Amino acid sequence: MTFLPSVIRAEYRDGFRIHLTFNDNLERTIDFRPWLEGPIFEPLKDPNYFKRFFLEGGTVAWPNGADIAPETLYEAAIREKQPPKRLPPAKARAHVSKPAPPRKRSKTARSRAT
């Protein structure tokens, strides 16, 4: 059985950001601006209307019927969780330490070995 994410808590933060808690206890603050395109989302561009969200069907919804699929929100939350992969600075990459040469055994250690 695959995991079906569901939003169990939502708190307004600022702008177009909402802090979400999912049914696996993952918590993230998501910026909803990327989804505010198209006629159904037009009213949500008004910050006062945006704040009127509520939970319905395991996701965030608004009075005009707009909502975002919980799977989409969960994927966005996971992307936020994982920091972007970064290469080390060029200076750090250029410096490669060489392994230390093998240590020479003392005469005493050689005589014990034989």
N, C-alpha and C. Protein backbone atom coordinates (compact mmCIF):
# COMPACT_ATOMS: atom_id res chain seq x y z
N MET A 1 0.85 -1.18 0.00
CA MET A 1 0.00 0.00 0.00
C MET A 1 0.90 1.24 0.00
N THR A 2 0.60 2.23 -0.83
CA THR A 2 1.40 3.45 -0.89
C THR A 2 0.85 4.49 0.07
N PHE A 3 1.74 5.39 0.46
CA PHE A 3 1.36 6.45 1.40
C PHE A 3 0.51 7.50 0.68
N LEU A 4 -0.62 7.86 1.27
CA LEU A 4 -1.47 8.91 0.74
C LEU A 4 -1.41 10.10 1.70
N PRO A 5 -0.69 11.15 1.30
CA PRO A 5 -0.56 12.30 2.21
C PRO A 5 -1.88 13.02 2.40
N SER A 6 -2.01 13.58 3.59
CA SER A 6 -3.20 14.35 3.93
C SER A 6 -2.75 15.48 4.85
N VAL A 7 -3.28 16.67 4.61
CA VAL A 7 -2.97 17.80 5.48
C VAL A 7 -3.88 17.71 6.69
N ILE A 8 -3.28 17.69 7.88
CA ILE A 8 -4.08 17.59 9.10
C ILE A 8 -4.11 18.89 9.90
N ARG A 9 -3.24 19.85 9.52
CA ARG A 9 -3.22 21.15 10.20
C ARG A 9 -2.63 22.19 9.26
N ALA A 10 -3.18 23.38 9.29
CA ALA A 10 -2.68 24.47 8.45
C ALA A 10 -2.77 25.78 9.22
N GLU A 11 -1.68 26.53 9.22
CA GLU A 11 -1.61 27.81 9.92
C GLU A 11 -1.05 28.87 8.99
N TYR A 12 -1.74 29.98 8.88
CA TYR A 12 -1.26 31.08 8.05
C TYR A 12 0.02 31.65 8.63
N ARG A 13 1.01 31.94 7.77
CA ARG A 13 2.26 32.55 8.22
C ARG A 13 2.31 34.02 7.79
N ASP A 14 2.53 34.27 6.53
CA ASP A 14 2.58 35.62 6.00
C ASP A 14 2.50 35.55 4.48
N GLY A 15 2.19 36.67 3.86
CA GLY A 15 2.11 36.68 2.39
C GLY A 15 1.19 35.58 1.89
N PHE A 16 1.75 34.68 1.10
CA PHE A 16 1.00 33.56 0.56
C PHE A 16 1.59 32.24 1.07
N ARG A 17 2.05 32.26 2.31
CA ARG A 17 2.68 31.09 2.92
C ARG A 17 1.81 30.51 4.02
N ILE A 18 1.70 29.19 4.01
CA ILE A 18 0.93 28.46 5.02
C ILE A 18 1.80 27.35 5.57
N HIS A 19 1.82 27.23 6.89
CA HIS A 19 2.55 26.15 7.54
C HIS A 19 1.63 24.93 7.59
N LEU A 20 2.08 23.83 7.00
CA LEU A 20 1.27 22.62 6.90
C LEU A 20 1.86 21.49 7.75
N THR A 21 0.97 20.70 8.33
CA THR A 21 1.35 19.46 8.99
C THR A 21 0.61 18.34 8.27
N PHE A 22 1.36 17.31 7.88
CA PHE A 22 0.79 16.18 7.16
C PHE A 22 0.54 15.01 8.11
N ASN A 23 -0.18 14.02 7.63
CA ASN A 23 -0.55 12.89 8.47
C ASN A 23 0.62 11.99 8.86
N ASP A 24 1.82 12.25 8.36
CA ASP A 24 3.01 11.53 8.83
C ASP A 24 3.87 12.44 9.71
N ASN A 25 3.27 13.57 10.14
CA ASN A 25 3.90 14.58 11.02
C ASN A 25 4.97 15.41 10.34
N LEU A 26 5.12 15.33 9.03
CA LEU A 26 6.01 16.23 8.31
C LEU A 26 5.41 17.62 8.40
N GLU A 27 6.23 18.60 8.76
CA GLU A 27 5.78 20.00 8.86
C GLU A 27 6.66 20.88 8.00
N ARG A 28 6.03 21.72 7.21
CA ARG A 28 6.76 22.67 6.38
C ARG A 28 5.90 23.90 6.12
N THR A 29 6.56 25.02 5.93
CA THR A 29 5.87 26.23 5.49
C THR A 29 6.02 26.31 3.98
N ILE A 30 4.90 26.35 3.30
CA ILE A 30 4.87 26.30 1.84
C ILE A 30 4.42 27.65 1.29
N ASP A 31 5.10 28.12 0.27
CA ASP A 31 4.71 29.33 -0.45
C ASP A 31 3.77 28.91 -1.57
N PHE A 32 2.55 29.41 -1.55
CA PHE A 32 1.53 29.00 -2.51
C PHE A 32 1.54 29.83 -3.80
N ARG A 33 2.38 30.84 -3.89
CA ARG A 33 2.38 31.70 -5.08
C ARG A 33 2.52 30.94 -6.40
N PRO A 34 3.34 29.88 -6.48
CA PRO A 34 3.46 29.19 -7.78
C PRO A 34 2.14 28.61 -8.30
N TRP A 35 1.17 28.38 -7.44
CA TRP A 35 -0.10 27.78 -7.87
C TRP A 35 -1.20 28.82 -8.11
N LEU A 36 -0.93 30.07 -7.90
CA LEU A 36 -1.98 31.08 -8.04
C LEU A 36 -2.11 31.56 -9.48
N GLU A 37 -2.31 30.63 -10.38
CA GLU A 37 -2.50 30.91 -11.81
C GLU A 37 -3.84 30.34 -12.26
N GLY A 38 -4.48 31.01 -13.19
CA GLY A 38 -5.74 30.52 -13.74
C GLY A 38 -6.93 31.14 -13.04
N PRO A 39 -8.10 31.05 -13.68
CA PRO A 39 -9.30 31.72 -13.18
C PRO A 39 -9.75 31.29 -11.79
N ILE A 40 -9.64 30.00 -11.45
CA ILE A 40 -10.11 29.55 -10.14
C ILE A 40 -9.25 30.12 -9.01
N PHE A 41 -7.97 30.39 -9.30
CA PHE A 41 -7.05 30.89 -8.28
C PHE A 41 -6.94 32.41 -8.26
N GLU A 42 -7.57 33.08 -9.21
CA GLU A 42 -7.49 34.55 -9.29
C GLU A 42 -7.90 35.24 -7.98
N PRO A 43 -9.02 34.84 -7.34
CA PRO A 43 -9.41 35.49 -6.09
C PRO A 43 -8.38 35.33 -4.97
N LEU A 44 -7.58 34.25 -5.02
CA LEU A 44 -6.60 33.99 -3.97
C LEU A 44 -5.42 34.96 -4.01
N LYS A 45 -5.29 35.70 -5.10
CA LYS A 45 -4.21 36.68 -5.19
C LYS A 45 -4.45 37.87 -4.27
N ASP A 46 -5.68 38.01 -3.79
CA ASP A 46 -6.01 39.02 -2.77
C ASP A 46 -5.63 38.40 -1.42
N PRO A 47 -4.63 38.99 -0.74
CA PRO A 47 -4.17 38.40 0.53
C PRO A 47 -5.29 38.16 1.55
N ASN A 48 -6.28 39.03 1.60
CA ASN A 48 -7.38 38.83 2.55
C ASN A 48 -8.22 37.61 2.20
N TYR A 49 -8.42 37.37 0.90
CA TYR A 49 -9.16 36.18 0.48
C TYR A 49 -8.31 34.93 0.70
N PHE A 50 -7.02 35.03 0.42
CA PHE A 50 -6.12 33.90 0.60
C PHE A 50 -6.18 33.38 2.04
N LYS A 51 -6.28 34.29 2.99
CA LYS A 51 -6.31 33.93 4.41
C LYS A 51 -7.57 33.16 4.81
N ARG A 52 -8.55 33.10 3.93
CA ARG A 52 -9.81 32.43 4.26
C ARG A 52 -9.77 30.92 4.00
N PHE A 53 -8.58 30.36 3.84
CA PHE A 53 -8.45 28.92 3.58
C PHE A 53 -8.98 28.09 4.75
N PHE A 54 -9.28 26.85 4.47
CA PHE A 54 -9.71 25.88 5.48
C PHE A 54 -9.29 24.50 5.00
N LEU A 55 -9.39 23.52 5.88
CA LEU A 55 -9.07 22.14 5.50
C LEU A 55 -10.33 21.42 5.07
N GLU A 56 -10.21 20.73 3.94
CA GLU A 56 -11.33 19.94 3.43
C GLU A 56 -10.76 18.81 2.58
N GLY A 57 -11.21 17.61 2.83
CA GLY A 57 -10.74 16.47 2.05
C GLY A 57 -9.25 16.22 2.16
N GLY A 58 -8.65 16.58 3.28
CA GLY A 58 -7.23 16.33 3.49
C GLY A 58 -6.31 17.31 2.82
N THR A 59 -6.85 18.47 2.43
CA THR A 59 -6.00 19.48 1.80
C THR A 59 -6.49 20.87 2.15
N VAL A 60 -5.79 21.86 1.64
CA VAL A 60 -6.15 23.26 1.84
C VAL A 60 -7.12 23.67 0.74
N ALA A 61 -8.22 24.33 1.13
CA ALA A 61 -9.25 24.74 0.16
C ALA A 61 -9.72 26.16 0.50
N TRP A 62 -10.42 26.77 -0.46
CA TRP A 62 -10.96 28.12 -0.29
C TRP A 62 -12.44 28.13 -0.62
N PRO A 63 -13.15 29.17 -0.17
CA PRO A 63 -14.61 29.22 -0.37
C PRO A 63 -15.07 29.14 -1.83
N ASN A 64 -14.23 29.56 -2.77
CA ASN A 64 -14.65 29.52 -4.18
C ASN A 64 -14.45 28.14 -4.81
N GLY A 65 -13.99 27.15 -4.03
CA GLY A 65 -13.80 25.79 -4.55
C GLY A 65 -12.37 25.48 -4.95
N ALA A 66 -11.50 26.46 -4.89
CA ALA A 66 -10.09 26.22 -5.24
C ALA A 66 -9.45 25.35 -4.16
N ASP A 67 -8.58 24.46 -4.59
CA ASP A 67 -7.78 23.67 -3.67
C ASP A 67 -6.53 23.19 -4.40
N ILE A 68 -5.58 22.68 -3.63
CA ILE A 68 -4.35 22.11 -4.18
C ILE A 68 -4.30 20.67 -3.70
N ALA A 69 -4.03 19.74 -4.61
CA ALA A 69 -3.99 18.32 -4.24
C ALA A 69 -2.99 18.10 -3.11
N PRO A 70 -3.34 17.29 -2.12
CA PRO A 70 -2.42 17.05 -1.01
C PRO A 70 -1.10 16.43 -1.45
N GLU A 71 -1.13 15.63 -2.52
CA GLU A 71 0.11 15.04 -3.04
C GLU A 71 1.05 16.12 -3.56
N THR A 72 0.48 17.13 -4.21
CA THR A 72 1.28 18.24 -4.73
C THR A 72 1.91 19.02 -3.58
N LEU A 73 1.12 19.27 -2.54
CA LEU A 73 1.65 19.99 -1.38
C LEU A 73 2.73 19.18 -0.68
N TYR A 74 2.54 17.87 -0.59
CA TYR A 74 3.51 17.01 0.07
C TYR A 74 4.83 17.00 -0.71
N GLU A 75 4.74 16.91 -2.03
CA GLU A 75 5.95 16.94 -2.86
C GLU A 75 6.69 18.26 -2.67
N ALA A 76 5.96 19.36 -2.59
CA ALA A 76 6.59 20.66 -2.36
C ALA A 76 7.26 20.69 -0.98
N ALA A 77 6.61 20.08 0.01
CA ALA A 77 7.17 20.04 1.36
C ALA A 77 8.46 19.22 1.40
N ILE A 78 8.49 18.14 0.67
CA ILE A 78 9.69 17.30 0.64
C ILE A 78 10.83 18.04 -0.06
N ARG A 79 10.52 18.75 -1.12
CA ARG A 79 11.57 19.54 -1.80
C ARG A 79 12.15 20.58 -0.85
N GLU A 80 11.30 21.16 -0.01
CA GLU A 80 11.77 22.15 0.97
C GLU A 80 12.66 21.50 2.01
N LYS A 81 12.36 20.26 2.32
CA LYS A 81 13.09 19.55 3.38
C LYS A 81 14.52 19.26 2.97
N GLN A 82 14.73 18.89 1.71
CA GLN A 82 16.04 18.51 1.25
C GLN A 82 16.81 19.73 0.76
N PRO A 83 17.95 20.03 1.41
CA PRO A 83 18.73 21.17 0.94
C PRO A 83 19.27 20.90 -0.45
N PRO A 84 19.44 21.95 -1.25
CA PRO A 84 19.96 21.74 -2.60
C PRO A 84 21.37 21.17 -2.54
N LYS A 85 21.67 20.33 -3.51
CA LYS A 85 23.01 19.75 -3.57
C LYS A 85 23.97 20.84 -4.02
N ARG A 86 25.05 20.99 -3.28
CA ARG A 86 26.04 22.02 -3.60
C ARG A 86 27.40 21.37 -3.76
N LEU A 87 28.14 21.87 -4.73
CA LEU A 87 29.51 21.45 -4.88
C LEU A 87 30.36 22.23 -3.89
N PRO A 88 31.42 21.63 -3.41
CA PRO A 88 32.29 22.40 -2.52
C PRO A 88 32.93 23.54 -3.30
N PRO A 89 33.34 24.60 -2.63
CA PRO A 89 33.98 25.71 -3.32
C PRO A 89 35.19 25.24 -4.11
N ALA A 90 35.51 25.94 -5.19
CA ALA A 90 36.61 25.55 -6.08
C ALA A 90 37.91 25.40 -5.32
N LYS A 91 38.19 26.29 -4.38
CA LYS A 91 39.41 26.24 -3.59
C LYS A 91 39.49 24.92 -2.81
N ALA A 92 38.38 24.52 -2.22
CA ALA A 92 38.37 23.30 -1.43
C ALA A 92 38.55 22.07 -2.32
N ARG A 93 37.98 22.10 -3.53
CA ARG A 93 38.12 20.96 -4.44
C ARG A 93 39.54 20.85 -4.94
N ALA A 94 40.25 21.97 -5.15
CA ALA A 94 41.59 21.96 -5.71
C ALA A 94 42.59 21.33 -4.74
N HIS A 95 42.36 21.45 -3.46
CA HIS A 95 43.27 20.91 -2.47
C HIS A 95 42.89 19.47 -2.15
N VAL A 96 43.77 18.56 -2.57
CA VAL A 96 43.54 17.15 -2.27
C VAL A 96 44.72 16.67 -1.44
N SER A 97 44.45 16.20 -0.27
CA SER A 97 45.55 15.75 0.59
C SER A 97 46.02 14.38 0.14
N LYS A 98 47.33 14.17 0.24
CA LYS A 98 47.93 12.89 -0.13
C LYS A 98 48.01 12.02 1.12
N PRO A 99 47.87 10.71 0.95
CA PRO A 99 47.99 9.85 2.12
C PRO A 99 49.41 9.89 2.65
N ALA A 100 49.55 9.72 3.92
CA ALA A 100 50.87 9.73 4.54
C ALA A 100 51.66 8.51 4.07
N PRO A 101 52.99 8.69 3.86
CA PRO A 101 53.80 7.54 3.43
C PRO A 101 53.87 6.51 4.56
N PRO A 102 54.10 5.26 4.22
CA PRO A 102 54.17 4.23 5.26
C PRO A 102 55.32 4.55 6.22
N ARG A 103 55.11 4.22 7.47
CA ARG A 103 56.13 4.48 8.48
C ARG A 103 57.19 3.40 8.42
N LYS A 104 58.43 3.82 8.62
CA LYS A 104 59.52 2.85 8.65
C LYS A 104 59.58 2.23 10.03
N ARG A 105 59.79 0.94 10.03
CA ARG A 105 59.90 0.26 11.32
C ARG A 105 61.30 0.44 11.87
N SER A 106 61.39 0.56 13.15
CA SER A 106 62.70 0.72 13.79
C SER A 106 63.46 -0.60 13.78
N LYS A 107 64.75 -0.53 14.02
CA LYS A 107 65.57 -1.75 14.06
C LYS A 107 65.04 -2.70 15.11
N THR A 108 64.59 -2.15 16.26
CA THR A 108 64.08 -3.00 17.34
C THR A 108 62.83 -3.74 16.87
N ALA A 109 61.91 -3.05 16.18
CA ALA A 109 60.69 -3.70 15.70
C ALA A 109 61.01 -4.75 14.66
N ARG A 110 62.04 -4.50 13.80
CA ARG A 110 62.39 -5.49 12.78
C ARG A 110 63.00 -6.74 13.43
N SER A 111 63.79 -6.53 14.45
CA SER A 111 64.43 -7.69 15.08
C SER A 111 63.41 -8.53 15.85
N ARG A 112 62.37 -7.91 16.38
CA ARG A 112 61.32 -8.65 17.08
C ARG A 112 60.50 -9.48 16.10
N ALA A 113 60.31 -8.94 14.88
CA ALA A 113 59.49 -9.62 13.89
C ALA A 113 60.16 -10.88 13.39
N THR A 114 61.49 -10.99 13.46
CA THR A 114 62.19 -12.18 12.95
C THR A 114 62.51 -13.17 14.01
